[in-house]
C-alpha atoms as a PDB file:
ATOM      1  CA  UNK A   1      83.177  99.954 169.252  1.00  0.00           C
ATOM      2  CA  UNK A   2      86.385 100.550 167.287  1.00  0.00           C
ATOM      3  CA  UNK A   3      88.572 102.337 169.862  1.00  0.00           C
ATOM      4  CA  UNK A   4      88.512 102.173 173.665  1.00  0.00           C
ATOM      5  CA  UNK A   5      91.048 104.014 175.754  1.00  0.00           C
ATOM      6  CA  UNK A   6      90.876 103.026 179.422  1.00  0.00           C
ATOM      7  CA  UNK A   7      92.464 104.855 182.376  1.00  0.00           C
ATOM      8  CA  UNK A   8      95.536 106.025 180.514  1.00  0.00           C
ATOM      9  CA  UNK A   9      98.398 107.534 182.512  1.00  0.00           C
ATOM     10  CA  UNK A  10     101.262 109.253 180.810  1.00  0.00           C
ATOM     11  CA  UNK A  11     104.224 111.164 182.219  1.00  0.00           C
ATOM     12  CA  UNK A  12     107.220 112.977 180.845  1.00  0.00           C
ATOM     13  CA  UNK A  13     109.757 112.611 183.603  1.00  0.00           C
ATOM     14  CA  UNK A  14     108.328 114.100 186.755  1.00  0.00           C
ATOM     15  CA  UNK A  15     105.511 115.773 184.787  1.00  0.00           C
ATOM     16  CA  UNK A  16     102.284 113.825 184.619  1.00  0.00           C
ATOM     17  CA  UNK A  17     100.366 114.884 181.535  1.00  0.00           C
ATOM     18  CA  UNK A  18      97.562 112.187 181.336  1.00  0.00           C
ATOM     19  CA  UNK A  19      95.676 111.169 184.488  1.00  0.00           C
ATOM     20  CA  UNK A  20      93.409 108.198 184.061  1.00  0.00           C
ATOM     21  CA  UNK A  21      92.027 109.339 180.646  1.00  0.00           C
ATOM     22  CA  UNK A  22      89.343 107.257 179.007  1.00  0.00           C
ATOM     23  CA  UNK A  23      87.926 107.784 175.506  1.00  0.00           C
ATOM     24  CA  UNK A  24      85.786 105.900 172.975  1.00  0.00           C
ATOM     25  CA  UNK A  25      85.405 106.119 169.200  1.00  0.00           C
ATOM     26  CA  UNK A  26      82.833 104.287 167.062  1.00  0.00           C
ATOM     27  CA  UNK A  27      82.603 103.571 163.280  1.00  0.00           C
ATOM     28  CA  UNK A  28      80.631 106.324 161.507  1.00  0.00           C
ATOM     29  CA  UNK A  29      80.904 108.729 164.473  1.00  0.00           C
ATOM     30  CA  UNK A  30      83.093 111.757 165.275  1.00  0.00           C
ATOM     31  CA  UNK A  31      84.480 112.032 168.770  1.00  0.00           C
ATOM     32  CA  UNK A  32      85.932 115.461 169.527  1.00  0.00           C
ATOM     33  CA  UNK A  33      88.551 116.124 172.253  1.00  0.00           C
ATOM     34  CA  UNK A  34      88.353 119.721 173.370  1.00  0.00           C
ATOM     35  CA  UNK A  35      90.652 121.654 175.725  1.00  0.00           C
ATOM     36  CA  UNK A  36      93.053 124.596 175.892  1.00  0.00           C
ATOM     37  CA  UNK A  37      96.778 124.327 174.936  1.00  0.00           C
ATOM     38  CA  UNK A  38      98.788 122.159 177.241  1.00  0.00           C
ATOM     39  CA  UNK A  39      95.980 119.998 178.707  1.00  0.00           C
ATOM     40  CA  UNK A  40      97.272 116.812 177.214  1.00  0.00           C
ATOM     41  CA  UNK A  41      95.214 116.485 174.001  1.00  0.00           C
ATOM     42  CA  UNK A  42      98.189 115.866 171.724  1.00  0.00           C
ATOM     43  CA  UNK A  43      99.833 113.576 174.239  1.00  0.00           C
ATOM     44  CA  UNK A  44      96.675 111.426 174.238  1.00  0.00           C
ATOM     45  CA  UNK A  45      96.660 111.231 170.409  1.00  0.00           C
ATOM     46  CA  UNK A  46     100.324 110.375 170.372  1.00  0.00           C
ATOM     47  CA  UNK A  47      99.751 107.606 172.921  1.00  0.00           C
ATOM     48  CA  UNK A  48      96.909 106.135 170.819  1.00  0.00           C
ATOM     49  CA  UNK A  49      99.136 105.950 167.669  1.00  0.00           C
ATOM     50  CA  UNK A  50     102.193 104.650 169.645  1.00  0.00           C
ATOM     51  CA  UNK A  51     104.452 107.681 169.559  1.00  0.00           C
ATOM     52  CA  UNK A  52     104.298 108.011 173.317  1.00  0.00           C
ATOM     53  CA  UNK A  53     104.320 105.038 175.749  1.00  0.00           C
ATOM     54  CA  UNK A  54     101.724 105.266 178.475  1.00  0.00           C
ATOM     55  CA  UNK A  55     102.745 104.108 181.996  1.00  0.00           C
ATOM     56  CA  UNK A  56      99.417 102.401 182.651  1.00  0.00           C
ATOM     57  CA  UNK A  57      96.021 101.811 181.153  1.00  0.00           C
ATOM     58  CA  UNK A  58      94.724 100.102 178.025  1.00  0.00           C
ATOM     59  CA  UNK A  59      94.320 101.102 174.384  1.00  0.00           C
ATOM     60  CA  UNK A  60      91.953  98.587 172.764  1.00  0.00           C
ATOM     61  CA  UNK A  61      91.515  98.772 169.002  1.00  0.00           C
ATOM     62  CA  UNK A  62      88.910  96.508 167.369  1.00  0.00           C
ATOM     63  CA  UNK A  63      88.968  94.235 170.362  1.00  0.00           C
ATOM     64  CA  UNK A  64      92.781  93.980 170.646  1.00  0.00           C
ATOM     65  CA  UNK A  65      94.954  95.623 173.319  1.00  0.00           C
ATOM     66  CA  UNK A  66      97.553  97.514 171.276  1.00  0.00           C
ATOM     67  CA  UNK A  67      99.347  99.382 174.131  1.00  0.00           C
ATOM     68  CA  UNK A  68     102.552  97.542 173.439  1.00  0.00           C
ATOM     69  CA  UNK A  69     102.275  97.611 169.628  1.00  0.00           C
ATOM     70  CA  UNK A  70     104.857  99.793 167.667  1.00  0.00           C
ATOM     71  CA  UNK A  71     103.521 102.738 165.735  1.00  0.00           C
ATOM     72  CA  UNK A  72     104.021 101.159 162.310  1.00  0.00           C
ATOM     73  CA  UNK A  73     102.022  98.160 163.223  1.00  0.00           C
ATOM     74  CA  UNK A  74      99.155 100.336 164.547  1.00  0.00           C
ATOM     75  CA  UNK A  75      99.203 102.160 161.173  1.00  0.00           C
ATOM     76  CA  UNK A  76      98.991  98.799 159.373  1.00  0.00           C
ATOM     77  CA  UNK A  77      96.211  97.796 161.742  1.00  0.00           C
ATOM     78  CA  UNK A  78      94.051 100.669 160.334  1.00  0.00           C
ATOM     79  CA  UNK A  79      94.883 103.683 162.566  1.00  0.00           C
ATOM     80  CA  UNK A  80      95.499 106.866 160.531  1.00  0.00           C
ATOM     81  CA  UNK A  81      97.047 109.954 162.071  1.00  0.00           C
ATOM     82  CA  UNK A  82      97.144 113.617 160.990  1.00  0.00           C
ATOM     83  CA  UNK A  83      99.554 115.300 163.482  1.00  0.00           C
ATOM     84  CA  UNK A  84      99.369 118.865 164.780  1.00  0.00           C
ATOM     85  CA  UNK A  85     101.450 120.984 162.534  1.00  0.00           C
ATOM     86  CA  UNK A  86     100.816 118.695 159.502  1.00  0.00           C
ATOM     87  CA  UNK A  87     104.462 117.384 159.305  1.00  0.00           C
ATOM     88  CA  UNK A  88     104.470 116.917 155.627  1.00  0.00           C
ATOM     89  CA  UNK A  89     107.826 116.377 153.860  1.00  0.00           C
ATOM     90  CA  UNK A  90     108.534 119.833 152.386  1.00  0.00           C
ATOM     91  CA  UNK A  91     111.135 118.677 149.798  1.00  0.00           C
ATOM     92  CA  UNK A  92     109.101 115.809 148.474  1.00  0.00           C
ATOM     93  CA  UNK A  93     106.403 116.344 145.871  1.00  0.00           C
ATOM     94  CA  UNK A  94     102.714 115.938 146.598  1.00  0.00           C
ATOM     95  CA  UNK A  95     102.826 112.559 144.850  1.00  0.00           C
ATOM     96  CA  UNK A  96     105.851 111.439 146.942  1.00  0.00           C
ATOM     97  CA  UNK A  97     104.246 112.659 150.189  1.00  0.00           C
ATOM     98  CA  UNK A  98     101.200 110.604 149.418  1.00  0.00           C
ATOM     99  CA  UNK A  99     103.193 107.548 148.518  1.00  0.00           C
ATOM    100  CA  UNK A 100     105.018 107.582 151.907  1.00  0.00           C
ATOM    101  CA  UNK A 101     101.773 106.277 153.380  1.00  0.00           C
ATOM    102  CA  UNK A 102     101.651 103.146 151.153  1.00  0.00           C
ATOM    103  CA  UNK A 103     103.908 101.199 153.475  1.00  0.00           C
ATOM    104  CA  UNK A 104     100.858 100.977 155.851  1.00  0.00           C
ATOM    105  CA  UNK A 105      98.437  99.891 153.147  1.00  0.00           C
ATOM    106  CA  UNK A 106      97.583  96.295 152.538  1.00  0.00           C
ATOM    107  CA  UNK A 107      99.486  94.429 149.792  1.00  0.00           C
ATOM    108  CA  UNK A 108      96.740  94.824 147.277  1.00  0.00           C
ATOM    109  CA  UNK A 109      96.152  98.526 147.863  1.00  0.00           C
ATOM    110  CA  UNK A 110      99.630 100.039 147.419  1.00  0.00           C
ATOM    111  CA  UNK A 111      98.520 102.876 145.213  1.00  0.00           C
ATOM    112  CA  UNK A 112      97.061 106.300 145.919  1.00  0.00           C
ATOM    113  CA  UNK A 113      93.270 105.937 145.748  1.00  0.00           C
ATOM    114  CA  UNK A 114      91.392 108.247 143.384  1.00  0.00           C
ATOM    115  CA  UNK A 115      89.024 109.162 146.276  1.00  0.00           C
ATOM    116  CA  UNK A 116      91.845 111.302 147.686  1.00  0.00           C
ATOM    117  CA  UNK A 117      91.763 113.574 144.699  1.00  0.00           C
ATOM    118  CA  UNK A 118      87.909 113.551 144.639  1.00  0.00           C
ATOM    119  CA  UNK A 119      88.037 114.916 148.217  1.00  0.00           C
ATOM    120  CA  UNK A 120      90.946 117.297 147.584  1.00  0.00           C
ATOM    121  CA  UNK A 121      90.969 118.219 143.869  1.00  0.00           C
ATOM    122  CA  UNK A 122      93.777 120.816 144.288  1.00  0.00           C
ATOM    123  CA  UNK A 123      96.241 118.085 145.085  1.00  0.00           C
ATOM    124  CA  UNK A 124      95.762 116.484 141.625  1.00  0.00           C
ATOM    125  CA  UNK A 125      96.771 119.779 140.046  1.00  0.00           C
ATOM    126  CA  UNK A 126      99.927 120.003 142.190  1.00  0.00           C
ATOM    127  CA  UNK A 127     101.189 116.394 142.097  1.00  0.00           C
ATOM    128  CA  UNK A 128     104.663 117.477 141.050  1.00  0.00           C
ATOM    129  CA  UNK A 129     104.866 120.466 143.277  1.00  0.00           C
ATOM    130  CA  UNK A 130     106.931 120.188 146.464  1.00  0.00           C
ATOM    131  CA  UNK A 131     105.050 120.018 149.676  1.00  0.00           C
ATOM    132  CA  UNK A 132     106.870 123.005 151.111  1.00  0.00           C
ATOM    133  CA  UNK A 133     105.610 125.202 148.228  1.00  0.00           C
ATOM    134  CA  UNK A 134     101.977 124.685 149.080  1.00  0.00           C
ATOM    135  CA  UNK A 135      99.907 127.055 151.190  1.00  0.00           C
ATOM    136  CA  UNK A 136      99.090 126.124 154.771  1.00  0.00           C
ATOM    137  CA  UNK A 137      95.622 125.053 153.841  1.00  0.00           C
ATOM    138  CA  UNK A 138      96.909 122.896 150.964  1.00  0.00           C
ATOM    139  CA  UNK A 139      99.481 121.348 153.246  1.00  0.00           C
ATOM    140  CA  UNK A 140      96.717 120.419 155.720  1.00  0.00           C
ATOM    141  CA  UNK A 141      94.740 118.823 152.878  1.00  0.00           C
ATOM    142  CA  UNK A 142      97.920 116.912 151.877  1.00  0.00           C
ATOM    143  CA  UNK A 143      98.363 115.677 155.421  1.00  0.00           C
ATOM    144  CA  UNK A 144      94.828 114.392 155.566  1.00  0.00           C
ATOM    145  CA  UNK A 145      95.123 112.850 152.124  1.00  0.00           C
ATOM    146  CA  UNK A 146      98.328 111.148 153.071  1.00  0.00           C
ATOM    147  CA  UNK A 147      96.648 109.507 156.126  1.00  0.00           C
ATOM    148  CA  UNK A 148      93.736 108.320 153.939  1.00  0.00           C
ATOM    149  CA  UNK A 149      96.133 106.823 151.358  1.00  0.00           C
ATOM    150  CA  UNK A 150      96.756 103.955 153.830  1.00  0.00           C
ATOM    151  CA  UNK A 151      92.953 103.297 153.969  1.00  0.00           C
ATOM    152  CA  UNK A 152      92.496 103.671 157.735  1.00  0.00           C
ATOM    153  CA  UNK A 153      89.341 102.658 159.664  1.00  0.00           C
ATOM    154  CA  UNK A 154      90.140 105.111 162.427  1.00  0.00           C
ATOM    155  CA  UNK A 155      91.316 108.627 161.566  1.00  0.00           C
ATOM    156  CA  UNK A 156      92.861 110.863 164.249  1.00  0.00           C
ATOM    157  CA  UNK A 157      93.154 114.569 163.423  1.00  0.00           C
ATOM    158  CA  UNK A 158      95.073 116.802 165.771  1.00  0.00           C
ATOM    159  CA  UNK A 159      93.839 120.407 165.335  1.00  0.00           C
ATOM    160  CA  UNK A 160      93.400 120.273 161.595  1.00  0.00           C
ATOM    161  CA  UNK A 161      91.984 123.822 161.463  1.00  0.00           C
ATOM    162  CA  UNK A 162      94.917 125.489 163.187  1.00  0.00           C
ATOM    163  CA  UNK A 163      96.229 128.435 161.177  1.00  0.00           C
ATOM    164  CA  UNK A 164      93.925 127.630 158.175  1.00  0.00           C
ATOM    165  CA  UNK A 165      91.858 130.153 156.190  1.00  0.00           C
ATOM    166  CA  UNK A 166      88.023 129.868 156.685  1.00  0.00           C
ATOM    167  CA  UNK A 167      87.252 128.600 153.198  1.00  0.00           C
ATOM    168  CA  UNK A 168      89.639 125.654 153.677  1.00  0.00           C
ATOM    169  CA  UNK A 169      88.244 124.970 157.140  1.00  0.00           C
ATOM    170  CA  UNK A 170      84.798 124.569 155.550  1.00  0.00           C
ATOM    171  CA  UNK A 171      86.293 122.066 153.013  1.00  0.00           C
ATOM    172  CA  UNK A 172      88.012 120.119 155.797  1.00  0.00           C
ATOM    173  CA  UNK A 173      84.809 119.974 157.812  1.00  0.00           C
ATOM    174  CA  UNK A 174      82.930 118.667 154.764  1.00  0.00           C
ATOM    175  CA  UNK A 175      85.550 115.902 154.248  1.00  0.00           C
ATOM    176  CA  UNK A 176      85.506 114.875 157.949  1.00  0.00           C
ATOM    177  CA  UNK A 177      81.751 114.647 157.896  1.00  0.00           C
ATOM    178  CA  UNK A 178      81.822 112.587 154.659  1.00  0.00           C
ATOM    179  CA  UNK A 179      84.454 110.149 156.064  1.00  0.00           C
ATOM    180  CA  UNK A 180      82.391 109.433 159.120  1.00  0.00           C
ATOM    181  CA  UNK A 181      78.859 109.488 157.810  1.00  0.00           C
ATOM    182  CA  UNK A 182      79.336 108.060 154.351  1.00  0.00           C
ATOM    183  CA  UNK A 183      82.521 106.019 154.623  1.00  0.00           C
ATOM    184  CA  UNK A 184      81.909 104.755 158.141  1.00  0.00           C
ATOM    185  CA  UNK A 185      85.272 105.733 159.573  1.00  0.00           C
ATOM    186  CA  UNK A 186      85.716 106.232 163.345  1.00  0.00           C
ATOM    187  CA  UNK A 187      87.056 109.774 163.695  1.00  0.00           C
ATOM    188  CA  UNK A 188      88.772 111.399 166.688  1.00  0.00           C
ATOM    189  CA  UNK A 189      89.174 115.139 166.209  1.00  0.00           C
ATOM    190  CA  UNK A 190      91.238 117.390 168.489  1.00  0.00           C
ATOM    191  CA  UNK A 191      90.039 120.955 168.670  1.00  0.00           C
ATOM    192  CA  UNK A 192      90.279 124.115 170.708  1.00  0.00           C
ATOM    193  CA  UNK A 193      87.206 125.736 169.253  1.00  0.00           C
ATOM    194  CA  UNK A 194      83.864 124.513 170.575  1.00  0.00           C
ATOM    195  CA  UNK A 195      81.745 125.928 167.733  1.00  0.00           C
ATOM    196  CA  UNK A 196      83.594 123.910 165.067  1.00  0.00           C
ATOM    197  CA  UNK A 197      83.406 120.754 167.213  1.00  0.00           C
ATOM    198  CA  UNK A 198      79.732 121.272 168.046  1.00  0.00           C
ATOM    199  CA  UNK A 199      78.840 121.414 164.360  1.00  0.00           C
ATOM    200  CA  UNK A 200      80.698 118.187 163.522  1.00  0.00           C
ATOM    201  CA  UNK A 201      80.922 115.955 166.583  1.00  0.00           C
ATOM    202  CA  UNK A 202      78.605 113.232 167.814  1.00  0.00           C
ATOM    203  CA  UNK A 203      80.397 113.012 171.152  1.00  0.00           C
ATOM    204  CA  UNK A 204      82.662 115.442 173.048  1.00  0.00           C
ATOM    205  CA  UNK A 205      85.296 114.955 175.690  1.00  0.00           C
ATOM    206  CA  UNK A 206      86.691 118.124 177.368  1.00  0.00           C
ATOM    207  CA  UNK A 207      90.137 117.854 178.930  1.00  0.00           C
ATOM    208  CA  UNK A 208      91.465 119.971 181.774  1.00  0.00           C
ATOM    209  CA  UNK A 209      94.992 119.550 183.215  1.00  0.00           C
ATOM    210  CA  UNK A 210      95.458 115.984 181.853  1.00  0.00           C
ATOM    211  CA  UNK A 211      91.979 114.698 182.760  1.00  0.00           C
ATOM    212  CA  UNK A 212      88.632 114.342 181.021  1.00  0.00           C
ATOM    213  CA  UNK A 213      86.520 116.790 182.992  1.00  0.00           C
ATOM    214  CA  UNK A 214      83.326 116.500 180.913  1.00  0.00           C
ATOM    215  CA  UNK A 215      82.082 114.037 178.297  1.00  0.00           C
ATOM    216  CA  UNK A 216      78.955 113.031 176.522  1.00  0.00           C
ATOM    217  CA  UNK A 217      76.916 113.346 173.339  1.00  0.00           C
ATOM    218  CA  UNK A 218      76.920 116.834 171.929  1.00  0.00           C
ATOM    219  CA  UNK A 219      73.183 117.294 172.227  1.00  0.00           C
ATOM    220  CA  UNK A 220      73.292 116.446 175.976  1.00  0.00           C
ATOM    221  CA  UNK A 221      75.957 118.895 176.974  1.00  0.00           C
ATOM    222  CA  UNK A 222      75.309 122.534 177.870  1.00  0.00           C
ATOM    223  CA  UNK A 223      77.238 124.932 175.711  1.00  0.00           C
ATOM    224  CA  UNK A 224      77.991 127.155 178.682  1.00  0.00           C
ATOM    225  CA  UNK A 225      79.391 124.269 180.763  1.00  0.00           C
ATOM    226  CA  UNK A 226      81.776 123.331 177.866  1.00  0.00           C
ATOM    227  CA  UNK A 227      82.920 126.945 177.331  1.00  0.00           C
ATOM    228  CA  UNK A 228      83.533 127.405 181.047  1.00  0.00           C
ATOM    229  CA  UNK A 229      85.972 124.485 181.047  1.00  0.00           C
ATOM    230  CA  UNK A 230      87.703 125.793 177.928  1.00  0.00           C
ATOM    231  CA  UNK A 231      88.645 128.935 179.871  1.00  0.00           C
ATOM    232  CA  UNK A 232      89.988 127.082 182.980  1.00  0.00           C
END
């Protein structure tokens, strides 16, 4: 098992947003975290990558408890993150955006891998174009490519289909499937839409009000039970 989150609690002041949350992610598998807006999905992802400090619980990555590890060290340890809203650098070129991830790459891999352009050919055409001049779908592809530039073994994607046109959503789904099935990455995918998750995921965890209300392999969960929780 690559990632194991155990009984994580996280609060912002008096507001408790994660309540004893546990989650697992394995190499070659896609774990999808589902839930409506505001249930704690993004807070959980930010805690895993070190951008939020949990009050209690454990985050174990490849057998090591990383709960006290700074975000930059987690990135160097093989955890890639594509945040909600993409957060590319709008005034940097596509090439420069990709190169910002090289600080987390190993010493012998500080170059943008060609695989990035094989997965997202449009980026090679626009290497000198500023990130802010790309379409929303192209920016999302750039955000994923930037995370892959650091050669992660775990890839966390926070709502990568949000605000994206259907044709690009299909491309992103194809890439996610390839990264897990063919490259053996552990993938954690945050989504609001069950249909997209059901087609991709091996395992699903449904969050409600800061807790995991339902979890299990996709094939063992009833669609109606999942949809019901997504309307709570």
